[in-house]
Amino acid sequence: IWGLNSWSASYLVEERGLPIQYGGLLAIGPTLTAAVGAVIGG
């Protein structure tokens, strides 16, 4: 979790050329599925 949360945005900006203002928007899908996973896991 903390490996991905800490570095995914930097990876996309530095390695894939993503503009920094879009880094947060691309986290929407992973965060929503993580929420669903937590509820189902409980």
PDB file of all heavy atoms in Angstrom:
ATOM      1  N   ILE A   1       0.816  -1.211   0.000  1.00  0.00           N
ATOM      2  CA  ILE A   1       0.000   0.000   0.000  1.00  0.00           C
ATOM      3  C   ILE A   1       0.846   1.255   0.000  1.00  0.00           C
ATOM      4  O   ILE A   1       0.642   2.178  -0.806  1.00  0.00           O
ATOM      5  CB  ILE A   1      -0.958  -0.004   1.210  1.00  0.00           C
ATOM      6  CG1 ILE A   1      -1.882  -1.220   1.143  1.00  0.00           C
ATOM      7  CG2 ILE A   1      -1.750   1.293   1.258  1.00  0.00           C
ATOM      8  CD1 ILE A   1      -2.653  -1.365  -0.150  1.00  0.00           C
ATOM      9  N   TRP A   2       1.832   1.311   0.912  1.00  0.00           N
ATOM     10  CA  TRP A   2       2.601   2.551   1.002  1.00  0.00           C
ATOM     11  C   TRP A   2       3.636   2.675  -0.101  1.00  0.00           C
ATOM     12  O   TRP A   2       4.021   3.797  -0.461  1.00  0.00           O
ATOM     13  CB  TRP A   2       3.227   2.679   2.388  1.00  0.00           C
ATOM     14  CG  TRP A   2       2.177   2.929   3.418  1.00  0.00           C
ATOM     15  CD1 TRP A   2       1.855   2.142   4.492  1.00  0.00           C
ATOM     16  CD2 TRP A   2       1.259   4.019   3.440  1.00  0.00           C
ATOM     17  NE1 TRP A   2       0.793   2.675   5.181  1.00  0.00           N
ATOM     18  CE2 TRP A   2       0.413   3.822   4.556  1.00  0.00           C
ATOM     19  CE3 TRP A   2       1.053   5.136   2.631  1.00  0.00           C
ATOM     20  CZ2 TRP A   2      -0.615   4.717   4.875  1.00  0.00           C
ATOM     21  CZ3 TRP A   2       0.035   6.016   2.944  1.00  0.00           C
ATOM     22  CH2 TRP A   2      -0.770   5.800   4.057  1.00  0.00           C
ATOM     23  N   GLY A   3       4.065   1.573  -0.657  1.00  0.00           N
ATOM     24  CA  GLY A   3       4.927   1.667  -1.835  1.00  0.00           C
ATOM     25  C   GLY A   3       4.194   2.310  -2.996  1.00  0.00           C
ATOM     26  O   GLY A   3       4.702   3.243  -3.649  1.00  0.00           O
ATOM     27  N   LEU A   4       2.967   1.851  -3.259  1.00  0.00           N
ATOM     28  CA  LEU A   4       2.190   2.387  -4.373  1.00  0.00           C
ATOM     29  C   LEU A   4       1.685   3.797  -4.091  1.00  0.00           C
ATOM     30  O   LEU A   4       1.771   4.691  -4.951  1.00  0.00           O
ATOM     31  CB  LEU A   4       1.009   1.463  -4.678  1.00  0.00           C
ATOM     32  CG  LEU A   4       1.366   0.063  -5.193  1.00  0.00           C
ATOM     33  CD1 LEU A   4       0.102  -0.756  -5.414  1.00  0.00           C
ATOM     34  CD2 LEU A   4       2.163   0.157  -6.494  1.00  0.00           C
ATOM     35  N   ASN A   5       1.133   4.026  -2.894  1.00  0.00           N
ATOM     36  CA  ASN A   5       0.592   5.349  -2.570  1.00  0.00           C
ATOM     37  C   ASN A   5       1.661   6.437  -2.603  1.00  0.00           C
ATOM     38  O   ASN A   5       1.404   7.571  -3.000  1.00  0.00           O
ATOM     39  CB  ASN A   5      -0.070   5.327  -1.193  1.00  0.00           C
ATOM     40  CG  ASN A   5      -1.416   4.628  -1.202  1.00  0.00           C
ATOM     41  OD1 ASN A   5      -1.948   4.308  -2.259  1.00  0.00           O
ATOM     42  ND2 ASN A   5      -1.965   4.368  -0.030  1.00  0.00           N
ATOM     43  N   SER A   6       2.866   6.083  -2.174  1.00  0.00           N
ATOM     44  CA  SER A   6       3.924   7.085  -2.056  1.00  0.00           C
ATOM     45  C   SER A   6       4.548   7.453  -3.392  1.00  0.00           C
ATOM     46  O   SER A   6       4.989   8.592  -3.581  1.00  0.00           O
ATOM     47  CB  SER A   6       5.021   6.578  -1.111  1.00  0.00           C
ATOM     48  OG  SER A   6       4.500   6.300   0.171  1.00  0.00           O
ATOM     49  N   TRP A   7       4.582   6.507  -4.341  1.00  0.00           N
ATOM     50  CA  TRP A   7       5.410   6.717  -5.524  1.00  0.00           C
ATOM     51  C   TRP A   7       4.694   6.641  -6.862  1.00  0.00           C
ATOM     52  O   TRP A   7       5.303   6.935  -7.892  1.00  0.00           O
ATOM     53  CB  TRP A   7       6.579   5.733  -5.499  1.00  0.00           C
ATOM     54  CG  TRP A   7       7.615   6.112  -4.500  1.00  0.00           C
ATOM     55  CD1 TRP A   7       7.828   5.571  -3.269  1.00  0.00           C
ATOM     56  CD2 TRP A   7       8.569   7.165  -4.629  1.00  0.00           C
ATOM     57  NE1 TRP A   7       8.853   6.209  -2.619  1.00  0.00           N
ATOM     58  CE2 TRP A   7       9.331   7.189  -3.440  1.00  0.00           C
ATOM     59  CE3 TRP A   7       8.858   8.089  -5.636  1.00  0.00           C
ATOM     60  CZ2 TRP A   7      10.363   8.102  -3.235  1.00  0.00           C
ATOM     61  CZ3 TRP A   7       9.881   8.999  -5.434  1.00  0.00           C
ATOM     62  CH2 TRP A   7      10.625   9.003  -4.240  1.00  0.00           C
ATOM     63  N   SER A   8       3.427   6.249  -6.886  1.00  0.00           N
ATOM     64  CA  SER A   8       2.743   6.125  -8.182  1.00  0.00           C
ATOM     65  C   SER A   8       2.684   7.450  -8.928  1.00  0.00           C
ATOM     66  O   SER A   8       2.935   7.514 -10.139  1.00  0.00           O
ATOM     67  CB  SER A   8       1.330   5.566  -7.999  1.00  0.00           C
ATOM     68  OG  SER A   8       1.365   4.186  -7.737  1.00  0.00           O
ATOM     69  N   ALA A   9       2.333   8.527  -8.214  1.00  0.00           N
ATOM     70  CA  ALA A   9       2.237   9.827  -8.884  1.00  0.00           C
ATOM     71  C   ALA A   9       3.589  10.263  -9.438  1.00  0.00           C
ATOM     72  O   ALA A   9       3.689  10.724 -10.592  1.00  0.00           O
ATOM     73  CB  ALA A   9       1.699  10.875  -7.912  1.00  0.00           C
ATOM     74  N   SER A  10       4.645  10.110  -8.651  1.00  0.00           N
ATOM     75  CA  SER A  10       5.979  10.488  -9.117  1.00  0.00           C
ATOM     76  C   SER A  10       6.400   9.647 -10.315  1.00  0.00           C
ATOM     77  O   SER A  10       7.012  10.148 -11.271  1.00  0.00           O
ATOM     78  CB  SER A  10       7.000  10.327  -7.985  1.00  0.00           C
ATOM     79  OG  SER A  10       6.737  11.241  -6.938  1.00  0.00           O
ATOM     80  N   TYR A  11       6.071   8.352 -10.281  1.00  0.00           N
ATOM     81  CA  TYR A  11       6.410   7.459 -11.391  1.00  0.00           C
ATOM     82  C   TYR A  11       5.734   7.915 -12.688  1.00  0.00           C
ATOM     83  O   TYR A  11       6.365   8.002 -13.749  1.00  0.00           O
ATOM     84  CB  TYR A  11       5.997   6.035 -11.051  1.00  0.00           C
ATOM     85  CG  TYR A  11       6.059   5.081 -12.230  1.00  0.00           C
ATOM     86  CD1 TYR A  11       7.276   4.584 -12.685  1.00  0.00           C
ATOM     87  CD2 TYR A  11       4.887   4.681 -12.875  1.00  0.00           C
ATOM     88  CE1 TYR A  11       7.332   3.719 -13.767  1.00  0.00           C
ATOM     89  CE2 TYR A  11       4.940   3.815 -13.951  1.00  0.00           C
ATOM     90  CZ  TYR A  11       6.159   3.332 -14.400  1.00  0.00           C
ATOM     91  OH  TYR A  11       6.208   2.486 -15.470  1.00  0.00           O
ATOM     92  N   LEU A  12       4.445   8.215 -12.597  1.00  0.00           N
ATOM     93  CA  LEU A  12       3.714   8.620 -13.798  1.00  0.00           C
ATOM     94  C   LEU A  12       4.213   9.956 -14.338  1.00  0.00           C
ATOM     95  O   LEU A  12       4.286  10.159 -15.557  1.00  0.00           O
ATOM     96  CB  LEU A  12       2.216   8.698 -13.496  1.00  0.00           C
ATOM     97  CG  LEU A  12       1.520   7.361 -13.251  1.00  0.00           C
ATOM     98  CD1 LEU A  12       0.081   7.580 -12.781  1.00  0.00           C
ATOM     99  CD2 LEU A  12       1.537   6.498 -14.505  1.00  0.00           C
ATOM    100  N   VAL A  13       4.571  10.874 -13.446  1.00  0.00           N
ATOM    101  CA  VAL A  13       5.083  12.171 -13.876  1.00  0.00           C
ATOM    102  C   VAL A  13       6.466  12.041 -14.497  1.00  0.00           C
ATOM    103  O   VAL A  13       6.748  12.580 -15.580  1.00  0.00           O
ATOM    104  CB  VAL A  13       5.104  13.163 -12.691  1.00  0.00           C
ATOM    105  CG1 VAL A  13       5.855  14.441 -13.065  1.00  0.00           C
ATOM    106  CG2 VAL A  13       3.687  13.494 -12.250  1.00  0.00           C
ATOM    107  N   GLU A  14       7.366  11.287 -13.843  1.00  0.00           N
ATOM    108  CA  GLU A  14       8.763  11.242 -14.260  1.00  0.00           C
ATOM    109  C   GLU A  14       9.042  10.227 -15.367  1.00  0.00           C
ATOM    110  O   GLU A  14       9.863  10.476 -16.247  1.00  0.00           O
ATOM    111  CB  GLU A  14       9.642  10.942 -13.045  1.00  0.00           C
ATOM    112  CG  GLU A  14       9.583  12.035 -11.984  1.00  0.00           C
ATOM    113  CD  GLU A  14      10.346  11.661 -10.725  1.00  0.00           C
ATOM    114  OE1 GLU A  14      11.058  10.636 -10.729  1.00  0.00           O
ATOM    115  OE2 GLU A  14      10.213  12.387  -9.728  1.00  0.00           O
ATOM    116  N   GLU A  15       8.358   9.090 -15.311  1.00  0.00           N
ATOM    117  CA  GLU A  15       8.643   8.026 -16.280  1.00  0.00           C
ATOM    118  C   GLU A  15       7.680   8.017 -17.464  1.00  0.00           C
ATOM    119  O   GLU A  15       8.053   7.647 -18.561  1.00  0.00           O
ATOM    120  CB  GLU A  15       8.582   6.667 -15.582  1.00  0.00           C
ATOM    121  CG  GLU A  15       9.683   6.446 -14.566  1.00  0.00           C
ATOM    122  CD  GLU A  15      11.046   6.312 -15.225  1.00  0.00           C
ATOM    123  OE1 GLU A  15      11.226   5.401 -16.071  1.00  0.00           O
ATOM    124  OE2 GLU A  15      11.929   7.134 -14.898  1.00  0.00           O
ATOM    125  N   ARG A  16       6.439   8.401 -17.235  1.00  0.00           N
ATOM    126  CA  ARG A  16       5.433   8.341 -18.299  1.00  0.00           C
ATOM    127  C   ARG A  16       5.076   9.722 -18.856  1.00  0.00           C
ATOM    128  O   ARG A  16       4.270   9.826 -19.773  1.00  0.00           O
ATOM    129  CB  ARG A  16       4.168   7.658 -17.789  1.00  0.00           C
ATOM    130  CG  ARG A  16       4.386   6.225 -17.271  1.00  0.00           C
ATOM    131  CD  ARG A  16       4.811   5.264 -18.367  1.00  0.00           C
ATOM    132  NE  ARG A  16       4.982   3.911 -17.886  1.00  0.00           N
ATOM    133  CZ  ARG A  16       4.113   2.920 -18.091  1.00  0.00           C
ATOM    134  NH1 ARG A  16       3.011   3.136 -18.774  1.00  0.00           N
ATOM    135  NH2 ARG A  16       4.348   1.713 -17.611  1.00  0.00           N
ATOM    136  N   GLY A  17       5.677  10.797 -18.292  1.00  0.00           N
ATOM    137  CA  GLY A  17       5.453  12.138 -18.822  1.00  0.00           C
ATOM    138  C   GLY A  17       4.088  12.728 -18.528  1.00  0.00           C
ATOM    139  O   GLY A  17       3.623  13.636 -19.228  1.00  0.00           O
ATOM    140  N   LEU A  18       3.437  12.271 -17.472  1.00  0.00           N
ATOM    141  CA  LEU A  18       2.114  12.777 -17.132  1.00  0.00           C
ATOM    142  C   LEU A  18       2.226  14.154 -16.486  1.00  0.00           C
ATOM    143  O   LEU A  18       3.029  14.344 -15.569  1.00  0.00           O
ATOM    144  CB  LEU A  18       1.432  11.807 -16.162  1.00  0.00           C
ATOM    145  CG  LEU A  18      -0.005  12.144 -15.759  1.00  0.00           C
ATOM    146  CD1 LEU A  18      -0.968  11.849 -16.905  1.00  0.00           C
ATOM    147  CD2 LEU A  18      -0.407  11.358 -14.511  1.00  0.00           C
ATOM    148  N   PRO A  19       1.439  15.155 -16.917  1.00  0.00           N
ATOM    149  CA  PRO A  19       1.439  16.458 -16.242  1.00  0.00           C
ATOM    150  C   PRO A  19       1.027  16.296 -14.777  1.00  0.00           C
ATOM    151  O   PRO A  19       0.108  15.528 -14.462  1.00  0.00           O
ATOM    152  CB  PRO A  19       0.392  17.260 -17.021  1.00  0.00           C
ATOM    153  CG  PRO A  19       0.359  16.623 -18.377  1.00  0.00           C
ATOM    154  CD  PRO A  19       0.590  15.154 -18.124  1.00  0.00           C
ATOM    155  N   ILE A  20       1.673  17.023 -13.886  1.00  0.00           N
ATOM    156  CA  ILE A  20       1.490  16.807 -12.453  1.00  0.00           C
ATOM    157  C   ILE A  20       0.053  17.030 -12.002  1.00  0.00           C
ATOM    158  O   ILE A  20      -0.440  16.360 -11.087  1.00  0.00           O
ATOM    159  CB  ILE A  20       2.455  17.721 -11.651  1.00  0.00           C
ATOM    160  CG1 ILE A  20       2.400  17.370 -10.162  1.00  0.00           C
ATOM    161  CG2 ILE A  20       2.116  19.186 -11.867  1.00  0.00           C
ATOM    162  CD1 ILE A  20       3.467  18.081  -9.350  1.00  0.00           C
ATOM    163  N   GLN A  21      -0.664  17.943 -12.672  1.00  0.00           N
ATOM    164  CA  GLN A  21      -2.030  18.214 -12.237  1.00  0.00           C
ATOM    165  C   GLN A  21      -2.984  17.065 -12.515  1.00  0.00           C
ATOM    166  O   GLN A  21      -4.088  17.015 -11.963  1.00  0.00           O
ATOM    167  CB  GLN A  21      -2.569  19.490 -12.888  1.00  0.00           C
ATOM    168  CG  GLN A  21      -2.659  19.444 -14.398  1.00  0.00           C
ATOM    169  CD  GLN A  21      -1.418  20.022 -15.053  1.00  0.00           C
ATOM    170  OE1 GLN A  21      -0.325  19.927 -14.494  1.00  0.00           O
ATOM    171  NE2 GLN A  21      -1.603  20.633 -16.211  1.00  0.00           N
ATOM    172  N   TYR A  22      -2.584  16.106 -13.353  1.00  0.00           N
ATOM    173  CA  TYR A  22      -3.431  14.957 -13.654  1.00  0.00           C
ATOM    174  C   TYR A  22      -3.092  13.739 -12.805  1.00  0.00           C
ATOM    175  O   TYR A  22      -3.808  12.737 -12.865  1.00  0.00           O
ATOM    176  CB  TYR A  22      -3.314  14.577 -15.130  1.00  0.00           C
ATOM    177  CG  TYR A  22      -3.782  15.662 -16.077  1.00  0.00           C
ATOM    178  CD1 TYR A  22      -2.936  16.161 -17.053  1.00  0.00           C
ATOM    179  CD2 TYR A  22      -5.057  16.192 -15.969  1.00  0.00           C
ATOM    180  CE1 TYR A  22      -3.352  17.165 -17.913  1.00  0.00           C
ATOM    181  CE2 TYR A  22      -5.488  17.200 -16.820  1.00  0.00           C
ATOM    182  CZ  TYR A  22      -4.629  17.684 -17.795  1.00  0.00           C
ATOM    183  OH  TYR A  22      -5.046  18.672 -18.627  1.00  0.00           O
ATOM    184  N   GLY A  23      -2.019  13.810 -12.045  1.00  0.00           N
ATOM    185  CA  GLY A  23      -1.608  12.662 -11.244  1.00  0.00           C
ATOM    186  C   GLY A  23      -2.667  12.237 -10.253  1.00  0.00           C
ATOM    187  O   GLY A  23      -2.927  11.044 -10.052  1.00  0.00           O
ATOM    188  N   GLY A  24      -3.316  13.217  -9.631  1.00  0.00           N
ATOM    189  CA  GLY A  24      -4.351  12.884  -8.671  1.00  0.00           C
ATOM    190  C   GLY A  24      -5.596  12.299  -9.310  1.00  0.00           C
ATOM    191  O   GLY A  24      -6.221  11.391  -8.771  1.00  0.00           O
ATOM    192  N   LEU A  25      -5.946  12.785 -10.487  1.00  0.00           N
ATOM    193  CA  LEU A  25      -7.155  12.300 -11.157  1.00  0.00           C
ATOM    194  C   LEU A  25      -7.042  10.831 -11.523  1.00  0.00           C
ATOM    195  O   LEU A  25      -8.028  10.083 -11.470  1.00  0.00           O
ATOM    196  CB  LEU A  25      -7.426  13.136 -12.407  1.00  0.00           C
ATOM    197  CG  LEU A  25      -7.744  14.615 -12.157  1.00  0.00           C
ATOM    198  CD1 LEU A  25      -7.927  15.352 -13.482  1.00  0.00           C
ATOM    199  CD2 LEU A  25      -8.987  14.765 -11.294  1.00  0.00           C
ATOM    200  N   LEU A  26      -5.844  10.388 -11.879  1.00  0.00           N
ATOM    201  CA  LEU A  26      -5.668   8.992 -12.261  1.00  0.00           C
ATOM    202  C   LEU A  26      -5.686   8.060 -11.051  1.00  0.00           C
ATOM    203  O   LEU A  26      -5.689   6.842 -11.211  1.00  0.00           O
ATOM    204  CB  LEU A  26      -4.363   8.817 -13.037  1.00  0.00           C
ATOM    205  CG  LEU A  26      -4.317   9.496 -14.408  1.00  0.00           C
ATOM    206  CD1 LEU A  26      -3.042   9.131 -15.147  1.00  0.00           C
ATOM    207  CD2 LEU A  26      -5.536   9.129 -15.254  1.00  0.00           C
ATOM    208  N   ALA A  27      -5.695   8.631  -9.845  1.00  0.00           N
ATOM    209  CA  ALA A  27      -5.794   7.797  -8.641  1.00  0.00           C
ATOM    210  C   ALA A  27      -7.237   7.488  -8.277  1.00  0.00           C
ATOM    211  O   ALA A  27      -7.478   6.724  -7.335  1.00  0.00           O
ATOM    212  CB  ALA A  27      -5.106   8.508  -7.472  1.00  0.00           C
ATOM    213  N   ILE A  28      -8.203   8.042  -9.013  1.00  0.00           N
ATOM    214  CA  ILE A  28      -9.608   7.859  -8.659  1.00  0.00           C
ATOM    215  C   ILE A  28     -10.001   6.384  -8.723  1.00  0.00           C
ATOM    216  O   ILE A  28     -10.614   5.839  -7.805  1.00  0.00           O
ATOM    217  CB  ILE A  28     -10.511   8.703  -9.575  1.00  0.00           C
ATOM    218  CG1 ILE A  28     -10.292  10.183  -9.300  1.00  0.00           C
ATOM    219  CG2 ILE A  28     -11.986   8.325  -9.378  1.00  0.00           C
ATOM    220  CD1 ILE A  28     -11.057  11.107 -10.235  1.00  0.00           C
ATOM    221  N   GLY A  29      -9.660   5.704  -9.819  1.00  0.00           N
ATOM    222  CA  GLY A  29     -10.018   4.297  -9.966  1.00  0.00           C
ATOM    223  C   GLY A  29      -9.444   3.422  -8.865  1.00  0.00           C
ATOM    224  O   GLY A  29     -10.189   2.676  -8.204  1.00  0.00           O
ATOM    225  N   PRO A  30      -8.130   3.480  -8.624  1.00  0.00           N
ATOM    226  CA  PRO A  30      -7.547   2.667  -7.550  1.00  0.00           C
ATOM    227  C   PRO A  30      -8.136   2.961  -6.173  1.00  0.00           C
ATOM    228  O   PRO A  30      -8.343   2.037  -5.375  1.00  0.00           O
ATOM    229  CB  PRO A  30      -6.059   3.040  -7.605  1.00  0.00           C
ATOM    230  CG  PRO A  30      -5.823   3.418  -9.027  1.00  0.00           C
ATOM    231  CD  PRO A  30      -7.086   4.113  -9.457  1.00  0.00           C
ATOM    232  N   THR A  31      -8.421   4.220  -5.865  1.00  0.00           N
ATOM    233  CA  THR A  31      -8.958   4.525  -4.540  1.00  0.00           C
ATOM    234  C   THR A  31     -10.376   3.995  -4.367  1.00  0.00           C
ATOM    235  O   THR A  31     -10.745   3.517  -3.291  1.00  0.00           O
ATOM    236  CB  THR A  31      -8.938   6.038  -4.272  1.00  0.00           C
ATOM    237  OG1 THR A  31      -9.593   6.726  -5.337  1.00  0.00           O
ATOM    238  CG2 THR A  31      -7.522   6.554  -4.151  1.00  0.00           C
ATOM    239  N   LEU A  32     -11.181   4.060  -5.421  1.00  0.00           N
ATOM    240  CA  LEU A  32     -12.545   3.543  -5.324  1.00  0.00           C
ATOM    241  C   LEU A  32     -12.554   2.028  -5.156  1.00  0.00           C
ATOM    242  O   LEU A  32     -13.308   1.485  -4.348  1.00  0.00           O
ATOM    243  CB  LEU A  32     -13.346   3.942  -6.567  1.00  0.00           C
ATOM    244  CG  LEU A  32     -13.731   5.421  -6.668  1.00  0.00           C
ATOM    245  CD1 LEU A  32     -14.457   5.693  -7.988  1.00  0.00           C
ATOM    246  CD2 LEU A  32     -14.604   5.833  -5.497  1.00  0.00           C
ATOM    247  N   THR A  33     -11.720   1.325  -5.918  1.00  0.00           N
ATOM    248  CA  THR A  33     -11.701  -0.137  -5.779  1.00  0.00           C
ATOM    249  C   THR A  33     -11.109  -0.550  -4.435  1.00  0.00           C
ATOM    250  O   THR A  33     -11.513  -1.571  -3.869  1.00  0.00           O
ATOM    251  CB  THR A  33     -10.900  -0.790  -6.921  1.00  0.00           C
ATOM    252  OG1 THR A  33      -9.569  -0.243  -6.963  1.00  0.00           O
ATOM    253  CG2 THR A  33     -11.580  -0.576  -8.261  1.00  0.00           C
ATOM    254  N   ALA A  34     -10.168   0.235  -3.910  1.00  0.00           N
ATOM    255  CA  ALA A  34      -9.637  -0.062  -2.580  1.00  0.00           C
ATOM    256  C   ALA A  34     -10.729   0.067  -1.525  1.00  0.00           C
ATOM    257  O   ALA A  34     -10.795  -0.727  -0.577  1.00  0.00           O
ATOM    258  CB  ALA A  34      -8.468   0.867  -2.254  1.00  0.00           C
ATOM    259  N   ALA A  35     -11.610   1.075  -1.680  1.00  0.00           N
ATOM    260  CA  ALA A  35     -12.716   1.245  -0.741  1.00  0.00           C
ATOM    261  C   ALA A  35     -13.667   0.062  -0.806  1.00  0.00           C
ATOM    262  O   ALA A  35     -14.082  -0.480   0.224  1.00  0.00           O
ATOM    263  CB  ALA A  35     -13.467   2.537  -1.049  1.00  0.00           C
ATOM    264  N   VAL A  36     -13.999  -0.353  -2.007  1.00  0.00           N
ATOM    265  CA  VAL A  36     -14.882  -1.508  -2.177  1.00  0.00           C
ATOM    266  C   VAL A  36     -14.235  -2.758  -1.584  1.00  0.00           C
ATOM    267  O   VAL A  36     -14.881  -3.556  -0.896  1.00  0.00           O
ATOM    268  CB  VAL A  36     -15.219  -1.726  -3.663  1.00  0.00           C
ATOM    269  CG1 VAL A  36     -15.988  -3.025  -3.861  1.00  0.00           C
ATOM    270  CG2 VAL A  36     -16.022  -0.549  -4.192  1.00  0.00           C
ATOM    271  N   GLY A  37     -12.942  -2.923  -1.831  1.00  0.00           N
ATOM    272  CA  GLY A  37     -12.225  -4.082  -1.288  1.00  0.00           C
ATOM    273  C   GLY A  37     -12.239  -4.107   0.228  1.00  0.00           C
ATOM    274  O   GLY A  37     -12.412  -5.174   0.834  1.00  0.00           O
ATOM    275  N   ALA A  38     -12.069  -2.942   0.865  1.00  0.00           N
ATOM    276  CA  ALA A  38     -12.070  -2.891   2.328  1.00  0.00           C
ATOM    277  C   ALA A  38     -13.434  -3.290   2.891  1.00  0.00           C
ATOM    278  O   ALA A  38     -13.515  -4.037   3.874  1.00  0.00           O
ATOM    279  CB  ALA A  38     -11.692  -1.487   2.803  1.00  0.00           C
ATOM    280  N   VAL A  39     -14.505  -2.800   2.275  1.00  0.00           N
ATOM    281  CA  VAL A  39     -15.851  -3.141   2.751  1.00  0.00           C
ATOM    282  C   VAL A  39     -16.117  -4.636   2.579  1.00  0.00           C
ATOM    283  O   VAL A  39     -16.613  -5.309   3.494  1.00  0.00           O
ATOM    284  CB  VAL A  39     -16.909  -2.309   2.000  1.00  0.00           C
ATOM    285  CG1 VAL A  39     -18.310  -2.798   2.350  1.00  0.00           C
ATOM    286  CG2 VAL A  39     -16.765  -0.830   2.343  1.00  0.00           C
ATOM    287  N   ILE A  40     -15.780  -5.167   1.408  1.00  0.00           N
ATOM    288  CA  ILE A  40     -16.001  -6.592   1.159  1.00  0.00           C
ATOM    289  C   ILE A  40     -15.142  -7.448   2.084  1.00  0.00           C
ATOM    290  O   ILE A  40     -15.602  -8.464   2.624  1.00  0.00           O
ATOM    291  CB  ILE A  40     -15.715  -6.933  -0.313  1.00  0.00           C
ATOM    292  CG1 ILE A  40     -16.734  -6.231  -1.225  1.00  0.00           C
ATOM    293  CG2 ILE A  40     -15.758  -8.444  -0.547  1.00  0.00           C
ATOM    294  CD1 ILE A  40     -16.443  -6.399  -2.699  1.00  0.00           C
ATOM    295  N   GLY A  41     -13.884  -7.034   2.297  1.00  0.00           N
ATOM    296  CA  GLY A  41     -13.009  -7.781   3.193  1.00  0.00           C
ATOM    297  C   GLY A  41     -13.541  -7.834   4.610  1.00  0.00           C
ATOM    298  O   GLY A  41     -13.447  -8.860   5.290  1.00  0.00           O
ATOM    299  N   GLY A  42     -14.123  -6.715   5.092  1.00  0.00           N
ATOM    300  CA  GLY A  42     -14.712  -6.703   6.416  1.00  0.00           C
ATOM    301  C   GLY A  42     -15.934  -7.588   6.506  1.00  0.00           C
ATOM    302  O   GLY A  42     -16.116  -8.331   7.476  1.00  0.00           O
TER     303      GLY A  42
END
